[in-house]
PDB file of N, CA and C in Angstrom:
ATOM      1  N   MET A   1     119.569  77.595  99.114  1.00  0.00           N
ATOM      2  CA  MET A   1     121.055  77.224  98.728  1.00  0.00           C
ATOM      3  C   MET A   1     121.760  78.120  99.907  1.00  0.00           C
ATOM      4  N   SER A   2     123.425  78.000 100.198  1.00  0.00           N
ATOM      5  CA  SER A   2     123.913  78.374 100.954  1.00  0.00           C
ATOM      6  C   SER A   2     125.434  78.269 100.614  1.00  0.00           C
ATOM      7  N   GLY A   3     125.973  79.597 100.656  1.00  0.00           N
ATOM      8  CA  GLY A   3     127.052  79.985 100.275  1.00  0.00           C
ATOM      9  C   GLY A   3     128.286  78.950 101.238  1.00  0.00           C
ATOM     10  N   PRO A   4     129.688  78.765 100.736  1.00  0.00           N
ATOM     11  CA  PRO A   4     130.448  78.216 101.507  1.00  0.00           C
ATOM     12  C   PRO A   4     130.801  78.725 103.052  1.00  0.00           C
ATOM     13  N   ASN A   5     130.559  79.907 103.241  1.00  0.00           N
ATOM     14  CA  ASN A   5     130.192  80.304 104.682  1.00  0.00           C
ATOM     15  C   ASN A   5     129.001  80.016 104.856  1.00  0.00           C
ATOM     16  N   GLY A   6     127.764  80.130 104.992  1.00  0.00           N
ATOM     17  CA  GLY A   6     126.884  79.166 105.723  1.00  0.00           C
ATOM     18  C   GLY A   6     126.212  80.206 104.956  1.00  0.00           C
ATOM     19  N   ASP A   7     126.362  81.432 104.480  1.00  0.00           N
ATOM     20  CA  ASP A   7     125.175  81.564 105.018  1.00  0.00           C
ATOM     21  C   ASP A   7     124.468  81.989 102.938  1.00  0.00           C
ATOM     22  N   LEU A   8     123.716  82.045 103.494  1.00  0.00           N
ATOM     23  CA  LEU A   8     122.666  81.905 102.053  1.00  0.00           C
ATOM     24  C   LEU A   8     123.072  83.115 100.978  1.00  0.00           C
ATOM     25  N   LEU A   9     122.948  82.426  99.601  1.00  0.00           N
ATOM     26  CA  LEU A   9     123.526  83.318  98.898  1.00  0.00           C
ATOM     27  C   LEU A   9     122.572  83.931  98.129  1.00  0.00           C
ATOM     28  N   VAL A  10     122.548  84.783  98.592  1.00  0.00           N
ATOM     29  CA  VAL A  10     121.640  86.241  97.438  1.00  0.00           C
ATOM     30  C   VAL A  10     121.837  87.003  96.683  1.00  0.00           C
ATOM     31  N   PRO A  11     121.550  86.554  96.159  1.00  0.00           N
ATOM     32  CA  PRO A  11     122.005  87.479  94.511  1.00  0.00           C
ATOM     33  C   PRO A  11     122.217  89.057  94.325  1.00  0.00           C
ATOM     34  N   ALA A  12     123.134  89.177  94.039  1.00  0.00           N
ATOM     35  CA  ALA A  12     123.966  90.824  94.034  1.00  0.00           C
ATOM     36  C   ALA A  12     123.227  91.201  93.062  1.00  0.00           C
ATOM     37  N   ASP A  13     122.795  92.800  93.394  1.00  0.00           N
ATOM     38  CA  ASP A  13     122.031  93.885  92.705  1.00  0.00           C
ATOM     39  C   ASP A  13     123.526  94.677  91.529  1.00  0.00           C
ATOM     40  N   SER A  14     123.696  94.926  91.366  1.00  0.00           N
ATOM     41  CA  SER A  14     124.593  95.955  89.885  1.00  0.00           C
ATOM     42  C   SER A  14     124.841  96.636  91.225  1.00  0.00           C
ATOM     43  N   GLY A  15     124.230  97.768  92.593  1.00  0.00           N
ATOM     44  CA  GLY A  15     124.614  98.498  93.378  1.00  0.00           C
ATOM     45  C   GLY A  15     125.984  97.669  94.264  1.00  0.00           C
ATOM     46  N   ASP A  16     125.403  96.406  94.863  1.00  0.00           N
ATOM     47  CA  ASP A  16     126.414  95.746  95.402  1.00  0.00           C
ATOM     48  C   ASP A  16     127.658  95.697  94.817  1.00  0.00           C
ATOM     49  N   GLU A  17     127.520  95.362  92.995  1.00  0.00           N
ATOM     50  CA  GLU A  17     129.035  95.231  92.731  1.00  0.00           C
ATOM     51  C   GLU A  17     129.779  96.418  92.597  1.00  0.00           C
ATOM     52  N   GLU A  18     128.512  97.453  91.746  1.00  0.00           N
ATOM     53  CA  GLU A  18     129.615  98.482  92.522  1.00  0.00           C
ATOM     54  C   GLU A  18     130.194  98.997  93.769  1.00  0.00           C
ATOM     55  N   GLU A  19     129.620  99.392  94.421  1.00  0.00           N
ATOM     56  CA  GLU A  19     130.417  98.646  95.977  1.00  0.00           C
ATOM     57  C   GLU A  19     131.247  98.009  95.630  1.00  0.00           C
ATOM     58  N   TYR A  20     131.820  96.802  95.608  1.00  0.00           N
ATOM     59  CA  TYR A  20     132.618  95.963  96.191  1.00  0.00           C
ATOM     60  C   TYR A  20     133.435  96.399  94.840  1.00  0.00           C
ATOM     61  N   ILE A  21     133.284  97.273  93.705  1.00  0.00           N
ATOM     62  CA  ILE A  21     134.904  98.028  93.026  1.00  0.00           C
ATOM     63  C   ILE A  21     135.327  98.422  93.513  1.00  0.00           C
ATOM     64  N   ALA A  22     134.355  99.605  94.272  1.00  0.00           N
ATOM     65  CA  ALA A  22     135.160 100.939  95.108  1.00  0.00           C
ATOM     66  C   ALA A  22     135.808 100.307  95.884  1.00  0.00           C
ATOM     67  N   ILE A  23     135.398  99.279  97.058  1.00  0.00           N
ATOM     68  CA  ILE A  23     136.081  99.149  97.633  1.00  0.00           C
ATOM     69  C   ILE A  23     137.237  98.524  97.477  1.00  0.00           C
ATOM     70  N   ASN A  24     137.237  97.196  96.329  1.00  0.00           N
ATOM     71  CA  ASN A  24     138.578  97.045  96.055  1.00  0.00           C
ATOM     72  C   ASN A  24     139.094  97.533  95.170  1.00  0.00           C
ATOM     73  N   SER A  25     138.736  98.979  94.750  1.00  0.00           N
ATOM     74  CA  SER A  25     140.087  99.777  94.580  1.00  0.00           C
ATOM     75  C   SER A  25     140.482 100.766  95.243  1.00  0.00           C
ATOM     76  N   MET A  26     140.216 101.027  96.524  1.00  0.00           N
ATOM     77  CA  MET A  26     140.350 101.449  97.549  1.00  0.00           C
ATOM     78  C   MET A  26     141.186 100.077  98.518  1.00  0.00           C
ATOM     79  N   LEU A  27     140.986  99.154  98.382  1.00  0.00           N
ATOM     80  CA  LEU A  27     141.677  98.781  99.273  1.00  0.00           C
ATOM     81  C   LEU A  27     143.746  98.278  98.583  1.00  0.00           C
ATOM     82  N   ASP A  28     142.876  98.463  96.450  1.00  0.00           N
ATOM     83  CA  ASP A  28     144.554  98.390  96.224  1.00  0.00           C
ATOM     84  C   ASP A  28     145.109  99.856  96.433  1.00  0.00           C
ATOM     85  N   GLN A  29     144.558 100.532  96.382  1.00  0.00           N
ATOM     86  CA  GLN A  29     145.100 102.125  96.983  1.00  0.00           C
ATOM     87  C   GLN A  29     145.558 101.944  98.746  1.00  0.00           C
ATOM     88  N   ILE A  30     145.578 101.534  99.284  1.00  0.00           N
ATOM     89  CA  ILE A  30     145.729 100.980 100.766  1.00  0.00           C
ATOM     90  C   ILE A  30     146.814 100.471 100.506  1.00  0.00           C
ATOM     91  N   ASN A  31     146.720  99.622  99.815  1.00  0.00           N
ATOM     92  CA  ASN A  31     148.037  98.411  99.523  1.00  0.00           C
ATOM     93  C   ASN A  31     149.453  99.231  98.873  1.00  0.00           C
ATOM     94  N   SER A  32     148.521 100.490  98.174  1.00  0.00           N
ATOM     95  CA  SER A  32     150.033 100.768  96.749  1.00  0.00           C
ATOM     96  C   SER A  32     151.086 101.411  98.397  1.00  0.00           C
ATOM     97  N   TRP A  33     149.451 102.598  98.720  1.00  0.00           N
ATOM     98  CA  TRP A  33     150.541 103.599 100.123  1.00  0.00           C
ATOM     99  C   TRP A  33     151.110 103.063 100.973  1.00  0.00           C
ATOM    100  N   LEU A  34     151.067 101.432 101.416  1.00  0.00           N
ATOM    101  CA  LEU A  34     151.922 100.699 102.704  1.00  0.00           C
ATOM    102  C   LEU A  34     153.043 100.274 101.682  1.00  0.00           C
ATOM    103  N   ASP A  35     153.055 100.066 100.713  1.00  0.00           N
ATOM    104  CA  ASP A  35     154.297  99.784  99.708  1.00  0.00           C
ATOM    105  C   ASP A  35     155.188 100.591  99.217  1.00  0.00           C
ATOM    106  N   HIS A  36     154.542 101.630  99.515  1.00  0.00           N
ATOM    107  CA  HIS A  36     155.411 103.336  99.183  1.00  0.00           C
ATOM    108  C   HIS A  36     155.734 103.404 100.859  1.00  0.00           C
ATOM    109  N   ILE A  37     154.924 103.140 101.801  1.00  0.00           N
ATOM    110  CA  ILE A  37     155.762 103.487 103.351  1.00  0.00           C
ATOM    111  C   ILE A  37     156.406 102.497 103.128  1.00  0.00           C
ATOM    112  N   GLU A  38     156.437 101.497 102.949  1.00  0.00           N
ATOM    113  CA  GLU A  38     157.720 100.100 103.500  1.00  0.00           C
ATOM    114  C   GLU A  38     158.657 101.008 103.017  1.00  0.00           C
ATOM    115  N   GLU A  39     158.701 101.260 101.591  1.00  0.00           N
ATOM    116  CA  GLU A  39     160.053 101.538 100.777  1.00  0.00           C
ATOM    117  C   GLU A  39     160.639 102.446 100.770  1.00  0.00           C
ATOM    118  N   LYS A  40     160.128 103.908 101.768  1.00  0.00           N
ATOM    119  CA  LYS A  40     160.443 105.025 102.437  1.00  0.00           C
ATOM    120  C   LYS A  40     161.300 104.645 104.073  1.00  0.00           C
ATOM    121  N   ASN A  41     160.165 103.169 104.309  1.00  0.00           N
ATOM    122  CA  ASN A  41     161.292 102.645 105.363  1.00  0.00           C
ATOM    123  C   ASN A  41     162.037 102.357 106.095  1.00  0.00           C
ATOM    124  N   ASP A  42     162.790 101.135 104.967  1.00  0.00           N
ATOM    125  CA  ASP A  42     164.091 100.705 104.462  1.00  0.00           C
ATOM    126  C   ASP A  42     165.089 101.254 103.966  1.00  0.00           C
ATOM    127  N   HIS A  43     164.487 102.499 102.808  1.00  0.00           N
ATOM    128  CA  HIS A  43     166.058 103.716 102.927  1.00  0.00           C
ATOM    129  C   HIS A  43     165.796 104.047 103.970  1.00  0.00           C
ATOM    130  N   LEU A  44     164.833 104.224 104.896  1.00  0.00           N
ATOM    131  CA  LEU A  44     166.066 105.608 106.046  1.00  0.00           C
ATOM    132  C   LEU A  44     166.377 104.488 106.493  1.00  0.00           C
ATOM    133  N   HIS A  45     165.418 103.214 106.842  1.00  0.00           N
ATOM    134  CA  HIS A  45     166.510 101.963 107.905  1.00  0.00           C
ATOM    135  C   HIS A  45     168.325 101.980 107.099  1.00  0.00           C
ATOM    136  N   THR A  46     168.069 102.423 106.144  1.00  0.00           N
ATOM    137  CA  THR A  46     169.625 101.913 105.283  1.00  0.00           C
ATOM    138  C   THR A  46     170.664 103.218 105.323  1.00  0.00           C
ATOM    139  N   GLN A  47     169.726 104.698 105.868  1.00  0.00           N
ATOM    140  CA  GLN A  47     170.194 105.443 105.680  1.00  0.00           C
ATOM    141  C   GLN A  47     171.017 105.996 107.637  1.00  0.00           C
ATOM    142  N   LEU A  48     170.264 105.422 108.476  1.00  0.00           N
ATOM    143  CA  LEU A  48     170.386 105.631 109.978  1.00  0.00           C
ATOM    144  C   LEU A  48     171.701 104.743 110.086  1.00  0.00           C
ATOM    145  N   LYS A  49     171.563 103.420 109.290  1.00  0.00           N
ATOM    146  CA  LYS A  49     172.230 102.289 109.351  1.00  0.00           C
ATOM    147  C   LYS A  49     173.918 102.568 108.960  1.00  0.00           C
ATOM    148  N   GLU A  50     173.779 103.397 108.048  1.00  0.00           N
ATOM    149  CA  GLU A  50     174.854 104.178 107.687  1.00  0.00           C
ATOM    150  C   GLU A  50     175.745 105.715 108.221  1.00  0.00           C
ATOM    151  N   LEU A  51     174.290 106.308 109.153  1.00  0.00           N
ATOM    152  CA  LEU A  51     175.437 106.986 109.946  1.00  0.00           C
ATOM    153  C   LEU A  51     175.580 106.998 111.280  1.00  0.00           C
ATOM    154  N   LEU A  52     175.000 105.475 111.643  1.00  0.00           N
ATOM    155  CA  LEU A  52     175.554 104.915 112.850  1.00  0.00           C
ATOM    156  C   LEU A  52     176.770 104.544 112.751  1.00  0.00           C
ATOM    157  N   GLU A  53     177.194 103.869 111.881  1.00  0.00           N
ATOM    158  CA  GLU A  53     178.480 103.627 111.347  1.00  0.00           C
ATOM    159  C   GLU A  53     179.281 104.776 110.964  1.00  0.00           C
ATOM    160  N   SER A  54     179.310 105.985 110.190  1.00  0.00           N
ATOM    161  CA  SER A  54     179.566 107.147 110.124  1.00  0.00           C
ATOM    162  C   SER A  54     180.111 107.365 111.638  1.00  0.00           C
ATOM    163  N   ASN A  55     179.694 107.932 112.548  1.00  0.00           N
ATOM    164  CA  ASN A  55     179.881 108.211 114.137  1.00  0.00           C
ATOM    165  C   ASN A  55     180.300 107.285 114.814  1.00  0.00           C
ATOM    166  N   ARG A  56     180.265 105.599 114.429  1.00  0.00           N
ATOM    167  CA  ARG A  56     181.018 105.128 115.208  1.00  0.00           C
ATOM    168  C   ARG A  56     182.773 105.265 113.859  1.00  0.00           C
ATOM    169  N   GLN A  57     182.804 105.261 113.317  1.00  0.00           N
ATOM    170  CA  GLN A  57     183.993 105.474 112.606  1.00  0.00           C
ATOM    171  C   GLN A  57     185.234 107.083 113.173  1.00  0.00           C
ATOM    172  N   ALA A  58     183.927 108.042 113.672  1.00  0.00           N
ATOM    173  CA  ALA A  58     184.517 109.007 113.696  1.00  0.00           C
ATOM    174  C   ALA A  58     184.890 108.504 115.725  1.00  0.00           C
ATOM    175  N   ARG A  59     184.193 108.590 115.795  1.00  0.00           N
ATOM    176  CA  ARG A  59     184.103 107.957 117.343  1.00  0.00           C
ATOM    177  C   ARG A  59     185.441 107.617 117.257  1.00  0.00           C
ATOM    178  N   ARG A  60     185.744 106.532 116.860  1.00  0.00           N
ATOM    179  CA  ARG A  60     186.998 105.414 117.145  1.00  0.00           C
ATOM    180  C   ARG A  60     188.494 106.716 116.456  1.00  0.00           C
ATOM    181  N   GLU A  61     188.172 107.349 115.296  1.00  0.00           N
ATOM    182  CA  GLU A  61     188.885 108.506 115.683  1.00  0.00           C
ATOM    183  C   GLU A  61     189.127 109.011 116.171  1.00  0.00           C
ATOM    184  N   PHE A  62     188.452 110.131 116.665  1.00  0.00           N
ATOM    185  CA  PHE A  62     188.654 110.516 117.667  1.00  0.00           C
ATOM    186  C   PHE A  62     189.264 109.649 118.867  1.00  0.00           C
ATOM    187  N   GLN A  63     188.785 108.813 119.114  1.00  0.00           N
ATOM    188  CA  GLN A  63     189.221 108.163 120.013  1.00  0.00           C
ATOM    189  C   GLN A  63     191.004 108.132 120.359  1.00  0.00           C
ATOM    190  N   GLN A  64     191.506 108.004 118.829  1.00  0.00           N
ATOM    191  CA  GLN A  64     193.211 107.635 118.786  1.00  0.00           C
ATOM    192  C   GLN A  64     194.001 109.038 118.576  1.00  0.00           C
ATOM    193  N   GLN A  65     193.298 110.219 118.376  1.00  0.00           N
ATOM    194  CA  GLN A  65     193.976 111.129 118.555  1.00  0.00           C
ATOM    195  C   GLN A  65     193.293 112.002 119.892  1.00  0.00           C
ATOM    196  N   VAL A  66     192.133 111.132 120.953  1.00  0.00           N
ATOM    197  CA  VAL A  66     192.653 111.963 122.245  1.00  0.00           C
ATOM    198  C   VAL A  66     193.852 110.533 122.688  1.00  0.00           C
ATOM    199  N   ASN A  67     193.880 109.608 121.882  1.00  0.00           N
ATOM    200  CA  ASN A  67     194.927 108.736 123.045  1.00  0.00           C
ATOM    201  C   ASN A  67     196.629 109.471 122.508  1.00  0.00           C
ATOM    202  N   LYS A  68     196.699 109.576 121.444  1.00  0.00           N
ATOM    203  CA  LYS A  68     197.563 110.036 120.945  1.00  0.00           C
ATOM    204  C   LYS A  68     198.333 111.603 121.418  1.00  0.00           C
ATOM    205  N   ALA A  69     197.442 112.218 121.745  1.00  0.00           N
ATOM    206  CA  ALA A  69     197.798 113.890 122.561  1.00  0.00           C
ATOM    207  C   ALA A  69     197.816 113.094 124.040  1.00  0.00           C
ATOM    208  N   GLN A  70     197.202 111.954 124.657  1.00  0.00           N
ATOM    209  CA  GLN A  70     197.749 111.871 125.935  1.00  0.00           C
ATOM    210  C   GLN A  70     199.900 111.399 125.974  1.00  0.00           C
ATOM    211  N   VAL A  71     199.405 110.334 124.885  1.00  0.00           N
ATOM    212  CA  VAL A  71     201.115 109.881 124.771  1.00  0.00           C
ATOM    213  C   VAL A  71     202.076 111.389 124.772  1.00  0.00           C
ATOM    214  N   THR A  72     201.816 112.039 123.797  1.00  0.00           N
ATOM    215  CA  THR A  72     202.336 113.014 123.775  1.00  0.00           C
ATOM    216  C   THR A  72     203.093 114.099 124.328  1.00  0.00           C
ATOM    217  N   ALA A  73     201.415 113.817 125.269  1.00  0.00           N
ATOM    218  CA  ALA A  73     201.153 114.992 126.642  1.00  0.00           C
ATOM    219  C   ALA A  73     202.534 114.358 128.074  1.00  0.00           C
ATOM    220  N   VAL A  74     202.239 112.981 128.363  1.00  0.00           N
ATOM    221  CA  VAL A  74     203.206 112.640 128.811  1.00  0.00           C
ATOM    222  C   VAL A  74     204.570 112.096 128.717  1.00  0.00           C
ATOM    223  N   GLU A  75     205.190 112.065 127.199  1.00  0.00           N
ATOM    224  CA  GLU A  75     206.692 111.861 126.701  1.00  0.00           C
ATOM    225  C   GLU A  75     206.865 113.794 127.153  1.00  0.00           C
ATOM    226  N   GLU A  76     206.127 114.593 127.330  1.00  0.00           N
ATOM    227  CA  GLU A  76     206.625 115.995 127.749  1.00  0.00           C
ATOM    228  C   GLU A  76     207.021 116.103 128.835  1.00  0.00           C
ATOM    229  N   ILE A  77     205.712 115.629 129.457  1.00  0.00           N
ATOM    230  CA  ILE A  77     206.232 115.643 131.302  1.00  0.00           C
ATOM    231  C   ILE A  77     207.328 115.052 131.619  1.00  0.00           C
ATOM    232  N   GLY A  78     207.655 113.739 130.611  1.00  0.00           N
ATOM    233  CA  GLY A  78     208.967 112.702 130.713  1.00  0.00           C
ATOM    234  C   GLY A  78     209.817 113.861 130.757  1.00  0.00           C
ATOM    235  N   THR A  79     210.741 114.530 129.631  1.00  0.00           N
ATOM    236  CA  THR A  79     211.474 114.702 129.106  1.00  0.00           C
ATOM    237  C   THR A  79     211.126 115.806 130.175  1.00  0.00           C
ATOM    238  N   GLU A  80     210.243 116.851 130.424  1.00  0.00           N
ATOM    239  CA  GLU A  80     210.773 118.045 131.330  1.00  0.00           C
ATOM    240  C   GLU A  80     211.186 117.450 132.420  1.00  0.00           C
ATOM    241  N   ILE A  81     211.469 116.360 133.084  1.00  0.00           N
ATOM    242  CA  ILE A  81     211.629 116.110 134.855  1.00  0.00           C
ATOM    243  C   ILE A  81     212.816 116.264 134.309  1.00  0.00           C
ATOM    244  N   MET A  82     213.455 115.663 133.410  1.00  0.00           N
ATOM    245  CA  MET A  82     214.759 114.977 132.659  1.00  0.00           C
ATOM    246  C   MET A  82     215.691 116.304 133.159  1.00  0.00           C
TER     247      MET A  82
END
């Protein structure tokens, strides 16, 4: 008689069953590790997005300060010429 994949059905002995249990346990552990890594990755992604937005805000503020300083310098030069 054959199994669903066309393989011959061979009765499993207790050694095979223990091996399947061990493999299943290892796969469960790997799956758990992958879930943990995915959670860490999501957390890092969120932190990086926050850092990027913070840097953008700091750059905008710095650019505004530079623009104000330039306007002030131009105004001072204009008053000195008069």
